[in-house]
C-alpha atoms as a PDB file:
ATOM      1  CA  MET A   1    -102.609  12.759  66.753  1.00  0.00           C
ATOM      2  CA  THR A   2    -100.369  10.276  64.495  1.00  0.00           C
ATOM      3  CA  GLU A   3     -96.920  10.062  65.189  1.00  0.00           C
ATOM      4  CA  ARG A   4     -94.593   9.946  62.294  1.00  0.00           C
ATOM      5  CA  ARG A   5     -91.678   7.578  62.245  1.00  0.00           C
ATOM      6  CA  SER A   6     -88.607   7.072  59.793  1.00  0.00           C
ATOM      7  CA  ALA A   7     -88.454   3.742  58.084  1.00  0.00           C
ATOM      8  CA  ASP A   8     -84.719   3.990  58.095  1.00  0.00           C
ATOM      9  CA  PRO A   9     -83.298   6.368  61.314  1.00  0.00           C
ATOM     10  CA  ASP A  10     -79.669   6.237  60.126  1.00  0.00           C
ATOM     11  CA  LEU A  11     -80.437   7.726  56.685  1.00  0.00           C
ATOM     12  CA  PHE A  12     -83.117  10.370  57.784  1.00  0.00           C
ATOM     13  CA  ARG A  13     -85.346  12.032  60.639  1.00  0.00           C
ATOM     14  CA  ALA A  14     -88.882  12.343  60.084  1.00  0.00           C
ATOM     15  CA  ASP A  15     -89.130  15.990  61.535  1.00  0.00           C
ATOM     16  CA  GLY A  16     -91.779  18.115  61.065  1.00  0.00           C
ATOM     17  CA  ASP A  17     -93.196  19.224  57.616  1.00  0.00           C
ATOM     18  CA  ALA A  18     -90.080  17.680  55.625  1.00  0.00           C
ATOM     19  CA  PRO A  19     -87.274  14.842  56.480  1.00  0.00           C
ATOM     20  CA  VAL A  20     -84.298  15.777  57.296  1.00  0.00           C
ATOM     21  CA  LEU A  21     -81.399  13.745  55.906  1.00  0.00           C
ATOM     22  CA  LEU A  22     -78.523  12.839  57.526  1.00  0.00           C
ATOM     23  CA  GLY A  23     -75.026  13.188  56.300  1.00  0.00           C
ATOM     24  CA  SER A  24     -71.309  13.438  57.002  1.00  0.00           C
ATOM     25  CA  ARG A  25     -68.870  16.385  56.359  1.00  0.00           C
ATOM     26  CA  CYS A  26     -64.894  15.726  56.311  1.00  0.00           C
ATOM     27  CA  ASP A  27     -63.242  18.134  58.923  1.00  0.00           C
ATOM     28  CA  LYS A  28     -60.246  18.016  56.587  1.00  0.00           C
ATOM     29  CA  ASP A  29     -61.604  19.590  53.584  1.00  0.00           C
ATOM     30  CA  GLY A  30     -65.465  20.063  54.230  1.00  0.00           C
ATOM     31  CA  GLU A  31     -66.566  17.648  51.751  1.00  0.00           C
ATOM     32  CA  SER A  32     -70.042  15.907  52.517  1.00  0.00           C
ATOM     33  CA  PHE A  33     -71.123  12.901  52.132  1.00  0.00           C
ATOM     34  CA  TYR A  34     -74.423  10.752  52.013  1.00  0.00           C
ATOM     35  CA  PRO A  35     -75.454   8.379  53.958  1.00  0.00           C
ATOM     36  CA  ARG A  36     -73.266   8.948  56.654  1.00  0.00           C
ATOM     37  CA  ARG A  37     -69.857   7.854  57.056  1.00  0.00           C
ATOM     38  CA  TRP A  38     -67.028   6.922  59.457  1.00  0.00           C
ATOM     39  CA  ALA A  39     -64.453   8.349  57.985  1.00  0.00           C
ATOM     40  CA  ASP A  40     -63.615  10.631  54.595  1.00  0.00           C
ATOM     41  CA  PRO A  41     -63.640   7.530  52.184  1.00  0.00           C
ATOM     42  CA  VAL A  42     -60.885   9.428  50.059  1.00  0.00           C
ATOM     43  CA  ARG A  43     -58.354  11.231  52.749  1.00  0.00           C
ATOM     44  CA  LEU A  44     -59.444   8.795  55.549  1.00  0.00           C
ATOM     45  CA  GLY A  45     -60.258  11.963  57.791  1.00  0.00           C
ATOM     46  CA  PRO A  46     -62.193  12.078  60.339  1.00  0.00           C
ATOM     47  CA  VAL A  47     -66.270  13.227  59.800  1.00  0.00           C
ATOM     48  CA  HIS A  48     -68.688  14.857  61.791  1.00  0.00           C
ATOM     49  CA  ASP A  49     -72.532  14.386  61.107  1.00  0.00           C
ATOM     50  CA  VAL A  50     -74.644  17.415  59.320  1.00  0.00           C
ATOM     51  CA  GLU A  51     -78.067  17.683  58.073  1.00  0.00           C
ATOM     52  CA  LEU A  52     -78.235  18.105  54.499  1.00  0.00           C
ATOM     53  CA  SER A  53     -80.185  20.674  52.603  1.00  0.00           C
ATOM     54  CA  GLN A  54     -84.108  19.724  51.692  1.00  0.00           C
ATOM     55  CA  SER A  55     -84.116  21.035  48.405  1.00  0.00           C
ATOM     56  CA  GLY A  56     -81.786  20.134  45.400  1.00  0.00           C
ATOM     57  CA  VAL A  57     -81.601  19.907  41.612  1.00  0.00           C
ATOM     58  CA  LEU A  58     -82.934  16.993  39.571  1.00  0.00           C
ATOM     59  CA  TYR A  59     -80.011  15.450  37.521  1.00  0.00           C
ATOM     60  CA  SER A  60     -81.684  12.425  35.993  1.00  0.00           C
ATOM     61  CA  TYR A  61     -84.756  10.046  36.695  1.00  0.00           C
ATOM     62  CA  SER A  62     -86.284   7.348  35.192  1.00  0.00           C
ATOM     63  CA  PHE A  63     -89.595   5.673  36.073  1.00  0.00           C
ATOM     64  CA  ILE A  64     -90.591   2.087  37.131  1.00  0.00           C
ATOM     65  CA  TYR A  65     -93.415   0.117  36.022  1.00  0.00           C
ATOM     66  CA  TYR A  66     -93.726  -1.817  38.960  1.00  0.00           C
ATOM     67  CA  ALA A  67     -95.686  -1.203  42.254  1.00  0.00           C
ATOM     68  CA  PRO A  68     -92.744  -0.649  44.740  1.00  0.00           C
ATOM     69  CA  MET A  69     -92.160  -2.968  47.728  1.00  0.00           C
ATOM     70  CA  PHE A  70     -92.402  -2.097  51.524  1.00  0.00           C
ATOM     71  CA  GLY A  71     -90.945  -5.310  53.391  1.00  0.00           C
ATOM     72  CA  LYS A  72     -93.038  -8.057  52.543  1.00  0.00           C
ATOM     73  CA  SER A  73     -96.155  -5.641  51.591  1.00  0.00           C
ATOM     74  CA  GLN A  74     -96.168  -4.429  47.773  1.00  0.00           C
ATOM     75  CA  LEU A  75     -97.545  -0.694  48.005  1.00  0.00           C
ATOM     76  CA  ASP A  76    -100.784   0.231  45.792  1.00  0.00           C
ATOM     77  CA  ALA A  77     -99.142   2.031  42.788  1.00  0.00           C
ATOM     78  CA  GLU A  78     -98.759   1.384  39.228  1.00  0.00           C
ATOM     79  CA  GLY A  79     -94.964   2.115  39.603  1.00  0.00           C
ATOM     80  CA  TYR A  80     -92.532   4.731  41.417  1.00  0.00           C
ATOM     81  CA  GLY A  81     -89.702   7.392  40.075  1.00  0.00           C
ATOM     82  CA  VAL A  82     -86.217   7.424  41.011  1.00  0.00           C
ATOM     83  CA  GLY A  83     -83.689   9.765  40.304  1.00  0.00           C
ATOM     84  CA  GLN A  84     -80.747  11.395  41.312  1.00  0.00           C
ATOM     85  CA  VAL A  85     -80.792  15.021  42.978  1.00  0.00           C
ATOM     86  CA  ASP A  86     -77.754  17.251  43.217  1.00  0.00           C
ATOM     87  CA  LEU A  87     -77.668  19.117  46.802  1.00  0.00           C
ATOM     88  CA  PRO A  88     -76.108  22.303  47.305  1.00  0.00           C
ATOM     89  CA  GLU A  89     -73.217  20.268  49.636  1.00  0.00           C
ATOM     90  CA  ARG A  90     -72.445  19.055  46.231  1.00  0.00           C
ATOM     91  CA  VAL A  91     -73.830  15.722  47.244  1.00  0.00           C
ATOM     92  CA  ARG A  92     -75.796  13.530  44.515  1.00  0.00           C
ATOM     93  CA  ILE A  93     -78.572  10.923  45.973  1.00  0.00           C
ATOM     94  CA  GLN A  94     -80.291   8.469  44.614  1.00  0.00           C
ATOM     95  CA  THR A  95     -84.206   8.726  45.442  1.00  0.00           C
ATOM     96  CA  THR A  96     -87.473   8.172  44.933  1.00  0.00           C
ATOM     97  CA  LEU A  97     -89.348  10.911  43.295  1.00  0.00           C
ATOM     98  CA  LYS A  98     -93.229  11.615  43.696  1.00  0.00           C
ATOM     99  CA  GLY A  99     -95.050  13.281  40.932  1.00  0.00           C
ATOM    100  CA  ASP A 100     -96.068  12.987  37.700  1.00  0.00           C
ATOM    101  CA  PRO A 101     -93.012  11.739  35.544  1.00  0.00           C
ATOM    102  CA  GLU A 102     -94.495  13.781  32.490  1.00  0.00           C
ATOM    103  CA  SER A 103     -93.845  16.693  34.662  1.00  0.00           C
ATOM    104  CA  TRP A 104     -90.141  15.968  35.678  1.00  0.00           C
ATOM    105  CA  THR A 105     -87.299  17.959  34.036  1.00  0.00           C
ATOM    106  CA  ILE A 106     -83.762  17.635  34.500  1.00  0.00           C
ATOM    107  CA  GLY A 107     -82.344  20.806  36.177  1.00  0.00           C
ATOM    108  CA  GLU A 108     -85.595  21.620  37.917  1.00  0.00           C
ATOM    109  CA  GLN A 109     -85.831  22.552  41.296  1.00  0.00           C
ATOM    110  CA  MET A 110     -86.768  19.760  43.697  1.00  0.00           C
ATOM    111  CA  ARG A 111     -87.990  19.590  47.615  1.00  0.00           C
ATOM    112  CA  LEU A 112     -87.582  16.700  49.984  1.00  0.00           C
ATOM    113  CA  VAL A 113     -91.070  15.516  51.000  1.00  0.00           C
ATOM    114  CA  HIS A 114     -92.567  12.279  53.197  1.00  0.00           C
ATOM    115  CA  THR A 115     -93.893   9.262  51.810  1.00  0.00           C
ATOM    116  CA  SER A 116     -96.050   7.301  54.002  1.00  0.00           C
ATOM    117  CA  VAL A 117     -95.669   3.510  53.636  1.00  0.00           C
ATOM    118  CA  ASP A 118     -97.378   2.071  56.720  1.00  0.00           C
ATOM    119  CA  THR A 119     -99.805   3.182  59.620  1.00  0.00           C
ATOM    120  CA  THR A 120     -99.865   0.882  62.567  1.00  0.00           C
ATOM    121  CA  ASP A 121    -101.400   1.879  65.827  1.00  0.00           C
ATOM    122  CA  ASP A 122    -101.241   5.635  65.233  1.00  0.00           C
ATOM    123  CA  VAL A 123     -97.626   5.619  64.316  1.00  0.00           C
ATOM    124  CA  GLU A 124     -96.984   6.328  60.414  1.00  0.00           C
ATOM    125  CA  THR A 125     -94.043   5.071  58.902  1.00  0.00           C
ATOM    126  CA  VAL A 126     -92.187   7.348  56.107  1.00  0.00           C
ATOM    127  CA  LEU A 127     -89.726   7.130  53.765  1.00  0.00           C
ATOM    128  CA  HIS A 128     -87.949  10.061  52.089  1.00  0.00           C
ATOM    129  CA  SER A 129     -88.691  11.423  48.403  1.00  0.00           C
ATOM    130  CA  PHE A 130     -87.972  14.340  46.298  1.00  0.00           C
ATOM    131  CA  THR A 131     -90.934  16.510  44.348  1.00  0.00           C
ATOM    132  CA  PRO A 132     -91.063  19.285  42.353  1.00  0.00           C
ATOM    133  CA  THR A 133     -91.167  22.715  44.050  1.00  0.00           C
ATOM    134  CA  ALA A 134     -93.659  24.579  41.564  1.00  0.00           C
END
């Protein structure tokens, strides 16, 4: 069985069927942040680490007509989608999108998925992406 490893363990864990985004929440007002912070950047108060939702709503998107890069390797693709997804915690994240750009719709429900970028010695390195739920 292939082990799944996060390409950036500071941003997300590669657990189970879907990645887990790692964020922070302010102890004073409950405001959430992604990526994790050392302190609330507005109130300078303490924060604690939290797991953020694995679904959200597509706020905006674009398609980049250039093959994506991972490290020094160009991945086999004609291009890739990028978008902003609003999570229930009132966090808007910039992320890559999977699926057909013709089918993406502003306001659409999206879910978090793994995107494989490399497999070496039974270790699959993954990024996180969002894709339409339907």
